[in-house]
Amino acid sequence: MPVTRERVDPVRDQSELGLVHRRWILPDDVQRPIVLPQVARLWRGLVEIGCLDEGQEARLERLRPGGAREELEMPAAASAGALLAGAGSATLVTQVVWVDDGDRRDPYAVGGESDPAGFRDYTLYAIDSPSQLLLPIPPVAHVCGACRARTTLELPRFGEGVLLDLAAPCASCASTLDLGRDKAELRNGAIFLLEELACRSALSIELPREPQSEELPDASVARLLQEAFGPTDELADDAVPPAE
């Protein structure tokens, strides 16, 4: 399944790309406030230190509760400012770059060498709506903490994740959603508390395959994430179709 990102680099041939590795970095506490200026500074920082290409466009997608989906393409340098206009909505901004393109910084480079070589797909998510959260890895079912009922989920997609409606009651007993009690079942059968999977903001980095390091070796990128998110967790989503 190809990555169709011609707006970033129309010369590169990605038609032979198969399954990829996606790494999610998110705050380790879903209750920690993450405000839009923090998210915008993170994206601007990725541009300034050379992870992103300020000379190429980024794509912004915005979804307001009950509204139409909005998609815009803009210079990467302007996309950080556009994040600030996402009050009350779910917003993502994304750009694909190549690690061998000039002096491009690779957060997963070890000893200055990128392994794997190839592309990096950066997508930053910000959910500013009080009624929604992002589930980076879409679950297949919800397990109610009150009645233990298992309900198959079909949540609205947003980027490569899905949006969780915090006001949606249990389909079986009508209990209010409880992040610390209710659970989500992933496609591999693993079950987690919703508070371990949900977030208000996340940075997704997609690579051709799993990197050597489980954590970010690049101290500058790690510092940007610390300043924006505080302590973080990482979720690995391996052997998945590339982002559309």
Protein backbone atom coordinates (compact mmCIF):
# COMPACT_ATOMS: atom_id res chain seq x y z
CA MET A 1 0.00 0.00 0.00
CA PRO A 2 1.72 3.22 -1.14
CA VAL A 3 2.22 6.39 0.81
CA THR A 4 0.63 9.08 -1.35
CA ARG A 5 2.43 12.21 -0.18
CA GLU A 6 3.32 13.82 -3.53
CA ARG A 7 3.01 17.28 -2.02
CA VAL A 8 6.22 16.58 -0.05
CA ASP A 9 8.47 14.99 -2.64
CA PRO A 10 6.95 14.07 -6.03
CA VAL A 11 10.25 12.63 -7.31
CA ARG A 12 10.56 9.84 -4.77
CA ASP A 13 9.02 6.51 -5.74
CA GLN A 14 7.18 5.00 -2.81
CA SER A 15 5.07 2.58 -4.83
CA GLU A 16 6.89 -0.47 -3.47
CA LEU A 17 6.44 0.49 0.18
CA GLY A 18 4.83 -2.25 2.24
CA LEU A 19 3.95 -2.31 5.92
CA VAL A 20 5.71 0.22 8.14
CA HIS A 21 6.53 0.95 11.79
CA ARG A 22 4.72 3.75 13.60
CA ARG A 23 5.89 5.12 16.94
CA TRP A 24 3.49 7.16 19.07
CA ILE A 25 4.81 9.55 21.75
CA LEU A 26 2.19 10.91 24.14
CA PRO A 27 1.89 12.40 27.65
CA ASP A 28 1.99 9.69 30.30
CA ASP A 29 -1.06 11.19 32.03
CA VAL A 30 -4.22 11.82 30.01
CA GLN A 31 -5.42 14.25 32.68
CA ARG A 32 -2.40 16.54 32.32
CA PRO A 33 -3.45 19.79 30.60
CA ILE A 34 -1.89 20.23 27.16
CA VAL A 35 -2.67 23.62 25.63
CA LEU A 36 -2.42 24.62 21.99
CA PRO A 37 0.55 27.01 22.46
CA GLN A 38 2.58 24.06 23.83
CA VAL A 39 1.69 21.95 20.81
CA ALA A 40 2.49 24.77 18.39
CA ARG A 41 5.91 25.32 20.01
CA LEU A 42 6.70 21.62 19.60
CA TRP A 43 5.90 21.68 15.87
CA ARG A 44 7.79 24.94 15.38
CA GLY A 45 10.75 23.46 17.23
CA LEU A 46 10.80 20.44 14.93
CA VAL A 47 11.02 22.86 12.00
CA GLU A 48 13.76 24.97 13.59
CA ILE A 49 16.06 22.05 14.47
CA GLY A 50 15.72 20.49 11.02
CA CYS A 51 13.49 17.46 11.56
CA LEU A 52 10.88 19.04 9.31
CA ASP A 53 11.49 20.83 6.02
CA GLU A 54 10.41 24.46 6.23
CA GLY A 55 10.72 24.72 2.44
CA GLN A 56 8.01 22.13 1.83
CA GLU A 57 4.32 22.16 2.59
CA ALA A 58 2.60 20.51 5.52
CA ARG A 59 -1.00 19.33 5.56
CA LEU A 60 -3.37 20.41 8.30
CA GLU A 61 -6.62 18.60 9.05
CA ARG A 62 -9.24 19.90 11.48
CA LEU A 63 -12.50 18.43 12.73
CA ARG A 64 -14.88 20.36 14.94
CA PRO A 65 -17.62 18.45 16.81
CA GLY A 66 -20.67 18.38 14.55
CA GLY A 67 -18.82 20.20 11.79
CA ALA A 68 -17.28 19.36 8.43
CA ARG A 69 -13.70 18.11 8.12
CA GLU A 70 -11.31 20.84 6.99
CA GLU A 71 -8.08 20.14 5.08
CA LEU A 72 -5.45 22.72 4.20
CA GLU A 73 -1.94 22.68 2.75
CA MET A 74 0.47 25.40 3.82
CA PRO A 75 4.19 26.09 4.26
CA ALA A 76 5.58 24.15 7.19
CA ALA A 77 6.70 27.37 8.87
CA ALA A 78 3.09 28.62 8.92
CA SER A 79 1.53 25.37 10.09
CA ALA A 80 2.63 25.87 13.71
CA GLY A 81 0.60 29.07 13.86
CA ALA A 82 -2.40 27.30 12.34
CA LEU A 83 -2.42 24.89 15.28
CA LEU A 84 -3.30 27.83 17.53
CA ALA A 85 -6.59 28.26 15.64
CA GLY A 86 -7.79 24.80 16.70
CA ALA A 87 -9.68 25.80 19.84
CA GLY A 88 -12.56 23.40 20.51
CA SER A 89 -11.54 21.01 17.74
CA ALA A 90 -9.38 18.05 16.82
CA THR A 91 -6.39 19.12 14.72
CA LEU A 92 -3.48 17.34 13.12
CA VAL A 93 -0.57 18.61 11.07
CA THR A 94 1.67 16.30 9.07
CA GLN A 95 4.74 16.26 6.82
CA VAL A 96 6.90 13.55 5.25
CA VAL A 97 10.67 14.06 4.96
CA TRP A 98 13.67 11.94 3.95
CA VAL A 99 16.67 11.47 6.22
CA ASP A 100 19.14 11.75 3.32
CA ASP A 101 17.75 15.12 2.22
CA GLY A 102 20.53 17.59 3.02
CA ASP A 103 21.15 18.07 6.74
CA ARG A 104 17.84 16.56 7.83
CA ARG A 105 17.85 15.64 11.53
CA ASP A 106 16.68 12.12 12.36
CA PRO A 107 15.46 11.66 15.96
CA TYR A 108 16.32 7.94 15.77
CA ALA A 109 19.85 8.31 14.36
CA VAL A 110 22.45 6.43 16.38
CA GLY A 111 26.00 7.77 16.20
CA GLY A 112 24.89 10.16 13.45
CA GLU A 113 23.69 7.34 11.20
CA SER A 114 20.06 6.75 10.30
CA ASP A 115 18.93 3.16 10.54
CA PRO A 116 16.58 2.59 8.91
CA ALA A 117 17.24 5.02 6.09
CA GLY A 118 14.33 6.40 4.11
CA PHE A 119 11.36 8.51 5.07
CA ARG A 120 10.04 9.90 8.35
CA ASP A 121 6.35 10.76 8.51
CA TYR A 122 5.69 13.24 11.35
CA THR A 123 2.12 13.87 12.48
CA LEU A 124 1.26 16.00 15.50
CA TYR A 125 -2.24 15.66 16.99
CA ALA A 126 -3.98 18.14 19.28
CA ILE A 127 -7.45 17.44 20.70
CA ASP A 128 -8.76 20.65 22.23
CA SER A 129 -12.40 19.53 22.47
CA PRO A 130 -13.45 18.76 26.07
CA SER A 131 -15.78 16.02 24.82
CA GLN A 132 -13.18 14.00 22.90
CA LEU A 133 -9.88 12.21 23.28
CA LEU A 134 -7.57 10.53 20.77
CA LEU A 135 -6.92 6.80 20.84
CA PRO A 136 -3.69 6.48 18.80
CA ILE A 137 -4.08 2.71 18.28
CA PRO A 138 -7.71 2.02 17.32
CA PRO A 139 -9.26 -0.59 19.65
CA VAL A 140 -11.67 -3.23 18.42
CA ALA A 141 -13.84 -3.34 21.54
CA HIS A 142 -14.79 -1.51 24.73
CA VAL A 143 -15.05 -3.40 28.02
CA CYS A 144 -17.28 -1.60 30.50
CA GLY A 145 -15.82 -1.35 33.98
CA ALA A 146 -19.27 -1.29 35.55
CA CYS A 147 -21.07 -4.23 33.91
CA ARG A 148 -18.11 -5.99 32.22
CA ALA A 149 -19.96 -6.01 28.89
CA ARG A 150 -17.78 -6.17 25.77
CA THR A 151 -18.97 -3.96 22.92
CA THR A 152 -17.46 -3.84 19.44
CA LEU A 153 -16.25 -0.34 18.60
CA GLU A 154 -16.50 1.62 15.37
CA LEU A 155 -15.07 5.00 16.29
CA PRO A 156 -14.55 7.90 13.84
CA ARG A 157 -11.10 7.93 12.29
CA PHE A 158 -8.85 10.92 12.72
CA GLY A 159 -5.53 10.56 10.99
CA GLU A 160 -4.21 7.14 11.97
CA GLY A 161 -6.07 7.14 15.30
CA VAL A 162 -9.71 7.38 16.33
CA LEU A 163 -11.70 9.87 18.38
CA LEU A 164 -13.29 8.75 21.64
CA ASP A 165 -16.55 10.45 22.65
CA LEU A 166 -16.35 10.94 26.41
CA ALA A 167 -20.12 11.43 26.66
CA ALA A 168 -20.97 8.09 25.03
CA PRO A 169 -22.59 5.75 27.60
CA CYS A 170 -22.06 2.01 27.82
CA ALA A 171 -24.28 0.32 25.24
CA SER A 172 -25.22 -2.35 27.76
CA CYS A 173 -25.79 -0.58 31.11
CA ALA A 174 -25.67 3.11 30.09
CA SER A 175 -22.89 3.84 32.59
CA THR A 176 -20.83 6.95 31.98
CA LEU A 177 -17.41 6.35 30.47
CA ASP A 178 -14.69 6.06 33.13
CA LEU A 179 -11.10 6.22 31.82
CA GLY A 180 -9.66 4.66 34.96
CA ARG A 181 -12.16 1.79 35.04
CA ASP A 182 -13.20 1.04 31.45
CA LYS A 183 -10.91 -0.94 29.18
CA ALA A 184 -10.13 -1.23 25.47
CA GLU A 185 -9.25 -4.38 23.59
CA LEU A 186 -6.69 -4.03 20.79
CA ARG A 187 -6.64 -6.04 17.57
CA ASN A 188 -3.88 -8.30 18.96
CA GLY A 189 -6.08 -9.25 21.92
CA ALA A 190 -4.26 -7.09 24.49
CA ILE A 191 -6.50 -5.23 26.94
CA PHE A 192 -5.60 -1.89 28.52
CA LEU A 193 -7.30 0.69 30.68
CA LEU A 194 -8.58 3.50 28.49
CA GLU A 195 -6.47 6.02 30.43
CA GLU A 196 -3.34 4.15 29.25
CA LEU A 197 -4.28 4.48 25.58
CA ALA A 198 -6.05 7.85 25.39
CA CYS A 199 -4.42 11.26 25.03
CA ARG A 200 -5.11 14.90 24.25
CA SER A 201 -2.02 15.27 22.11
CA ALA A 202 0.48 12.93 20.48
CA LEU A 203 3.39 12.93 18.06
CA SER A 204 3.44 10.08 15.57
CA ILE A 205 6.69 9.21 13.77
CA GLU A 206 6.40 6.68 10.96
CA LEU A 207 9.49 4.86 9.62
CA PRO A 208 10.06 2.11 7.04
CA ARG A 209 10.80 -0.33 9.86
CA GLU A 210 11.45 -0.43 13.60
CA PRO A 211 14.45 1.72 14.64
CA GLN A 212 17.42 0.39 16.60
CA SER A 213 16.56 2.42 19.69
CA GLU A 214 13.35 2.06 21.69
CA GLU A 215 13.72 5.65 22.89
CA LEU A 216 14.67 8.85 21.10
CA PRO A 217 18.48 9.10 20.96
CA ASP A 218 18.29 12.76 19.86
CA ALA A 219 18.44 14.96 22.96
CA SER A 220 17.09 18.06 21.19
CA VAL A 221 13.93 16.29 20.05
CA ALA A 222 13.51 14.67 23.46
CA ARG A 223 13.78 18.10 25.09
CA LEU A 224 11.10 19.57 22.81
CA LEU A 225 8.76 16.73 23.73
CA GLN A 226 9.49 17.12 27.44
CA GLU A 227 8.70 20.83 27.28
CA ALA A 228 5.41 20.23 25.43
CA PHE A 229 4.13 17.02 27.03
CA GLY A 230 6.02 16.56 30.29
CA PRO A 231 6.90 12.88 30.98
CA THR A 232 5.88 10.69 28.06
CA ASP A 233 4.94 7.16 27.09
CA GLU A 234 5.69 5.47 23.77
CA LEU A 235 3.40 3.10 21.92
CA ALA A 236 4.81 0.99 19.09
CA ASP A 237 2.51 0.06 16.21
CA ASP A 238 4.43 -2.34 14.00
CA ALA A 239 3.60 -3.87 10.63
CA VAL A 240 0.81 -1.39 9.85
CA PRO A 241 -0.26 0.15 6.53
CA PRO A 242 1.46 3.49 5.85
CA ALA A 243 -0.43 6.69 6.52
CA GLU A 244 -2.74 7.84 3.76
